[in-house]
Amino acid sequence: MKASRHGPWKMLLGGTALGAALVLLAAAGMQYSDSRPFCSTCHVMKEAALTHSLSPHADLACNECHAPHNLVAKLPFKAQEGLRDFVANLQGKEAPLLARTETRDVVNANCRACHGVTNADVMMAKPYCVDCHRGMAHQKKIPVSFREAADE
C-alpha cells in the first residue's frame, strides 16, 4: 500500500485544529470560572455575589478584582484560592472567607490599575484602598444621611 503524500499535512492541520479548539475551550472555561454566576455556586460566596450584583462594580467579573490579570500569575493564584473556597464550602462555612494578605495585595493592585487616573496623586493613609473605600464592590450604597466621607 502506497502512503499518501498529503498524510503529514493532514495530521499537522488536524493537530492545529485540535490545539486551537482546546485553547478556545480553555479560554471559555477560564472566562466562565471568573464570573459571578460561577462563583455564586458555592454557598460561601452567595452573600458576596448578591452584594456585588448591587454594587457600582456589578458589571465586572469577580476575578477582574480578585485575581491577577497576568495569566502566568493568575493560574496558580486562581487554583489556590478556588481550592480554599471549595474546602470552605465542603466544611459548611456560611460567610465569605476573610481575604488573605496575598488576595488583599492583588485586589489593591487591581483597584489601582483600573482607577490609576483618579488615584495617581493620592497619598494613601492606609495600606489598602478598601481600608477607606470599604464595601465598594460588595455593598449596596448607604443612604447619604448615613455615609461617612470615605463611603461616597
C-alpha atoms as a PDB file:
ATOM      1  CA  MET A   1       0.000   0.000   0.000  1.00  0.00           C
ATOM      2  CA  LYS A   2       1.346   3.376  -1.004  1.00  0.00           C
ATOM      3  CA  ALA A   3       1.498   6.172   1.610  1.00  0.00           C
ATOM      4  CA  SER A   4      -0.353   9.367   0.746  1.00  0.00           C
ATOM      5  CA  ARG A   5       1.898  12.329   0.172  1.00  0.00           C
ATOM      6  CA  HIS A   6      -0.733  14.524   1.888  1.00  0.00           C
ATOM      7  CA  GLY A   7      -0.703  12.462   5.114  1.00  0.00           C
ATOM      8  CA  PRO A   8       1.711  14.647   7.130  1.00  0.00           C
ATOM      9  CA  TRP A   9      -0.175  17.807   6.142  1.00  0.00           C
ATOM     10  CA  LYS A  10      -3.499  16.291   7.199  1.00  0.00           C
ATOM     11  CA  MET A  11      -2.009  15.353  10.563  1.00  0.00           C
ATOM     12  CA  LEU A  12      -0.494  18.804  11.008  1.00  0.00           C
ATOM     13  CA  LEU A  13      -3.752  20.525  10.069  1.00  0.00           C
ATOM     14  CA  GLY A  14      -5.768  18.209  12.318  1.00  0.00           C
ATOM     15  CA  GLY A  15      -3.395  18.756  15.234  1.00  0.00           C
ATOM     16  CA  THR A  16      -3.524  22.514  14.733  1.00  0.00           C
ATOM     17  CA  ALA A  17      -7.337  22.473  14.635  1.00  0.00           C
ATOM     18  CA  LEU A  18      -7.468  20.304  17.781  1.00  0.00           C
ATOM     19  CA  GLY A  19      -4.989  22.597  19.559  1.00  0.00           C
ATOM     20  CA  ALA A  20      -6.970  25.703  18.592  1.00  0.00           C
ATOM     21  CA  ALA A  21     -10.203  24.079  19.818  1.00  0.00           C
ATOM     22  CA  LEU A  22      -8.577  23.209  23.162  1.00  0.00           C
ATOM     23  CA  VAL A  23      -7.260  26.760  23.601  1.00  0.00           C
ATOM     24  CA  LEU A  24     -10.706  28.212  22.843  1.00  0.00           C
ATOM     25  CA  LEU A  25     -12.350  25.766  25.248  1.00  0.00           C
ATOM     26  CA  ALA A  26      -9.835  26.613  27.981  1.00  0.00           C
ATOM     27  CA  ALA A  27     -10.364  30.359  27.404  1.00  0.00           C
ATOM     28  CA  ALA A  28     -14.145  29.953  27.630  1.00  0.00           C
ATOM     29  CA  GLY A  29     -13.758  27.898  30.812  1.00  0.00           C
ATOM     30  CA  MET A  30     -11.441  30.495  32.315  1.00  0.00           C
ATOM     31  CA  GLN A  31     -13.862  33.308  31.460  1.00  0.00           C
ATOM     32  CA  TYR A  32     -16.859  31.436  32.907  1.00  0.00           C
ATOM     33  CA  SER A  33     -14.993  30.467  36.081  1.00  0.00           C
ATOM     34  CA  ASP A  34     -14.121  34.160  36.601  1.00  0.00           C
ATOM     35  CA  SER A  35     -17.802  35.158  36.581  1.00  0.00           C
ATOM     36  CA  ARG A  36     -20.313  35.883  39.340  1.00  0.00           C
ATOM     37  CA  PRO A  37     -22.692  33.058  38.236  1.00  0.00           C
ATOM     38  CA  PHE A  38     -19.864  30.539  38.665  1.00  0.00           C
ATOM     39  CA  CYS A  39     -18.550  31.991  41.934  1.00  0.00           C
ATOM     40  CA  SER A  40     -22.030  32.096  43.467  1.00  0.00           C
ATOM     41  CA  THR A  41     -22.486  28.333  43.039  1.00  0.00           C
ATOM     42  CA  CYS A  42     -20.647  27.894  46.364  1.00  0.00           C
ATOM     43  CA  HIS A  43     -22.783  28.814  49.356  1.00  0.00           C
ATOM     44  CA  VAL A  44     -19.823  30.622  50.963  1.00  0.00           C
ATOM     45  CA  MET A  45     -19.955  33.128  48.093  1.00  0.00           C
ATOM     46  CA  LYS A  46     -23.727  33.683  47.857  1.00  0.00           C
ATOM     47  CA  GLU A  47     -23.696  36.843  50.004  1.00  0.00           C
ATOM     48  CA  ALA A  48     -20.681  38.259  48.141  1.00  0.00           C
ATOM     49  CA  ALA A  49     -22.380  37.551  44.795  1.00  0.00           C
ATOM     50  CA  LEU A  50     -25.610  39.228  45.896  1.00  0.00           C
ATOM     51  CA  THR A  51     -23.935  42.351  47.257  1.00  0.00           C
ATOM     52  CA  HIS A  52     -21.657  42.528  44.214  1.00  0.00           C
ATOM     53  CA  SER A  53     -24.681  42.475  41.911  1.00  0.00           C
ATOM     54  CA  LEU A  54     -25.971  45.621  43.690  1.00  0.00           C
ATOM     55  CA  SER A  55     -22.667  47.497  43.621  1.00  0.00           C
ATOM     56  CA  PRO A  56     -21.109  50.062  41.263  1.00  0.00           C
ATOM     57  CA  HIS A  57     -18.785  47.253  40.091  1.00  0.00           C
ATOM     58  CA  ALA A  58     -21.607  44.837  39.171  1.00  0.00           C
ATOM     59  CA  ASP A  59     -20.565  44.782  35.511  1.00  0.00           C
ATOM     60  CA  LEU A  60     -17.137  43.324  36.379  1.00  0.00           C
ATOM     61  CA  ALA A  61     -16.389  39.620  36.717  1.00  0.00           C
ATOM     62  CA  CYS A  62     -15.288  38.560  40.212  1.00  0.00           C
ATOM     63  CA  ASN A  63     -11.742  37.812  39.132  1.00  0.00           C
ATOM     64  CA  GLU A  64     -11.267  41.160  37.441  1.00  0.00           C
ATOM     65  CA  CYS A  65     -10.735  42.321  41.033  1.00  0.00           C
ATOM     66  CA  HIS A  66      -9.877  39.115  42.880  1.00  0.00           C
ATOM     67  CA  ALA A  67      -7.163  37.588  40.655  1.00  0.00           C
ATOM     68  CA  PRO A  68      -4.020  38.832  38.952  1.00  0.00           C
ATOM     69  CA  HIS A  69      -4.561  39.926  35.348  1.00  0.00           C
ATOM     70  CA  ASN A  70      -1.313  38.338  34.153  1.00  0.00           C
ATOM     71  CA  LEU A  71      -2.203  34.786  33.045  1.00  0.00           C
ATOM     72  CA  VAL A  72       1.044  33.271  34.347  1.00  0.00           C
ATOM     73  CA  ALA A  73       0.346  34.644  37.840  1.00  0.00           C
ATOM     74  CA  LYS A  74      -3.414  34.134  37.575  1.00  0.00           C
ATOM     75  CA  LEU A  75      -3.461  30.373  37.017  1.00  0.00           C
ATOM     76  CA  PRO A  76      -1.733  29.251  40.241  1.00  0.00           C
ATOM     77  CA  PHE A  77      -3.401  32.025  42.264  1.00  0.00           C
ATOM     78  CA  LYS A  78      -6.846  31.061  40.971  1.00  0.00           C
ATOM     79  CA  ALA A  79      -6.205  27.357  41.630  1.00  0.00           C
ATOM     80  CA  GLN A  80      -5.078  28.043  45.209  1.00  0.00           C
ATOM     81  CA  GLU A  81      -7.941  30.408  46.058  1.00  0.00           C
ATOM     82  CA  GLY A  82     -10.501  28.206  44.311  1.00  0.00           C
ATOM     83  CA  LEU A  83      -9.341  25.208  46.338  1.00  0.00           C
ATOM     84  CA  ARG A  84      -9.553  27.284  49.521  1.00  0.00           C
ATOM     85  CA  ASP A  85     -13.132  28.307  48.697  1.00  0.00           C
ATOM     86  CA  PHE A  86     -14.052  24.739  47.716  1.00  0.00           C
ATOM     87  CA  VAL A  87     -12.752  23.333  51.020  1.00  0.00           C
ATOM     88  CA  ALA A  88     -14.614  26.016  52.990  1.00  0.00           C
ATOM     89  CA  ASN A  89     -17.754  25.116  51.083  1.00  0.00           C
ATOM     90  CA  LEU A  90     -17.304  21.418  51.925  1.00  0.00           C
ATOM     91  CA  GLN A  91     -16.782  22.342  55.583  1.00  0.00           C
ATOM     92  CA  GLY A  92     -20.145  24.129  55.578  1.00  0.00           C
ATOM     93  CA  LYS A  93     -18.843  27.611  56.312  1.00  0.00           C
ATOM     94  CA  GLU A  94     -21.599  30.159  55.833  1.00  0.00           C
ATOM     95  CA  ALA A  95     -19.884  33.514  55.267  1.00  0.00           C
ATOM     96  CA  PRO A  96     -17.357  34.666  52.692  1.00  0.00           C
ATOM     97  CA  LEU A  97     -13.818  33.906  53.775  1.00  0.00           C
ATOM     98  CA  LEU A  98     -11.554  36.615  55.064  1.00  0.00           C
ATOM     99  CA  ALA A  99      -9.089  37.683  52.418  1.00  0.00           C
ATOM    100  CA  ARG A 100      -5.506  36.605  52.932  1.00  0.00           C
ATOM    101  CA  THR A 101      -2.682  39.134  52.539  1.00  0.00           C
ATOM    102  CA  GLU A 102      -1.914  37.857  49.023  1.00  0.00           C
ATOM    103  CA  THR A 103      -5.534  38.349  47.998  1.00  0.00           C
ATOM    104  CA  ARG A 104      -5.690  41.829  49.519  1.00  0.00           C
ATOM    105  CA  ASP A 105      -2.492  42.741  47.636  1.00  0.00           C
ATOM    106  CA  VAL A 106      -3.986  41.516  44.338  1.00  0.00           C
ATOM    107  CA  VAL A 107      -7.278  43.368  44.902  1.00  0.00           C
ATOM    108  CA  ASN A 108      -5.378  46.541  45.817  1.00  0.00           C
ATOM    109  CA  ALA A 109      -3.211  46.309  42.708  1.00  0.00           C
ATOM    110  CA  ASN A 110      -6.319  45.843  40.572  1.00  0.00           C
ATOM    111  CA  CYS A 111      -8.055  48.847  42.201  1.00  0.00           C
ATOM    112  CA  ARG A 112      -5.040  50.994  41.458  1.00  0.00           C
ATOM    113  CA  ALA A 113      -4.714  49.657  37.905  1.00  0.00           C
ATOM    114  CA  CYS A 114      -8.331  50.415  36.981  1.00  0.00           C
ATOM    115  CA  HIS A 115      -8.532  53.714  38.835  1.00  0.00           C
ATOM    116  CA  GLY A 116      -4.983  54.841  38.058  1.00  0.00           C
ATOM    117  CA  VAL A 117      -6.027  58.148  36.531  1.00  0.00           C
ATOM    118  CA  THR A 118      -8.073  59.137  39.569  1.00  0.00           C
ATOM    119  CA  ASN A 119      -5.619  57.912  42.203  1.00  0.00           C
ATOM    120  CA  ALA A 120      -2.273  58.794  40.652  1.00  0.00           C
ATOM    121  CA  ASP A 121      -1.668  61.652  43.108  1.00  0.00           C
ATOM    122  CA  VAL A 122      -3.428  60.129  46.110  1.00  0.00           C
ATOM    123  CA  MET A 123      -1.371  59.811  49.272  1.00  0.00           C
ATOM    124  CA  MET A 124      -2.733  56.641  50.840  1.00  0.00           C
ATOM    125  CA  ALA A 125      -3.233  56.941  54.590  1.00  0.00           C
ATOM    126  CA  LYS A 126      -3.742  53.201  54.933  1.00  0.00           C
ATOM    127  CA  PRO A 127      -2.186  50.266  53.079  1.00  0.00           C
ATOM    128  CA  TYR A 128      -5.230  49.143  51.071  1.00  0.00           C
ATOM    129  CA  CYS A 129      -7.797  51.061  49.031  1.00  0.00           C
ATOM    130  CA  VAL A 130     -10.617  49.111  50.716  1.00  0.00           C
ATOM    131  CA  ASP A 131      -9.448  50.276  54.142  1.00  0.00           C
ATOM    132  CA  CYS A 132     -11.206  53.565  53.336  1.00  0.00           C
ATOM    133  CA  HIS A 133     -13.445  52.570  50.424  1.00  0.00           C
ATOM    134  CA  ARG A 134     -14.933  49.553  52.142  1.00  0.00           C
ATOM    135  CA  GLY A 135     -17.848  47.826  50.551  1.00  0.00           C
ATOM    136  CA  MET A 136     -17.398  49.403  47.118  1.00  0.00           C
ATOM    137  CA  ALA A 137     -17.787  46.085  45.352  1.00  0.00           C
ATOM    138  CA  HIS A 138     -19.899  44.214  47.885  1.00  0.00           C
ATOM    139  CA  GLN A 139     -22.401  46.534  49.472  1.00  0.00           C
ATOM    140  CA  LYS A 140     -25.434  48.477  48.386  1.00  0.00           C
ATOM    141  CA  LYS A 141     -24.997  52.205  48.543  1.00  0.00           C
ATOM    142  CA  ILE A 142     -25.655  53.516  52.034  1.00  0.00           C
ATOM    143  CA  PRO A 143     -28.215  56.351  52.156  1.00  0.00           C
ATOM    144  CA  VAL A 144     -26.468  59.727  52.009  1.00  0.00           C
ATOM    145  CA  SER A 145     -27.554  60.642  55.549  1.00  0.00           C
ATOM    146  CA  PHE A 146     -25.641  57.642  56.962  1.00  0.00           C
ATOM    147  CA  ARG A 147     -22.488  57.840  54.842  1.00  0.00           C
ATOM    148  CA  GLU A 148     -19.017  58.622  56.005  1.00  0.00           C
ATOM    149  CA  ALA A 149     -16.811  60.622  53.626  1.00  0.00           C
ATOM    150  CA  ALA A 150     -14.934  57.502  52.501  1.00  0.00           C
ATOM    151  CA  ASP A 151     -18.165  55.684  51.561  1.00  0.00           C
ATOM    152  CA  GLU A 152     -19.006  58.031  48.694  1.00  0.00           C
END
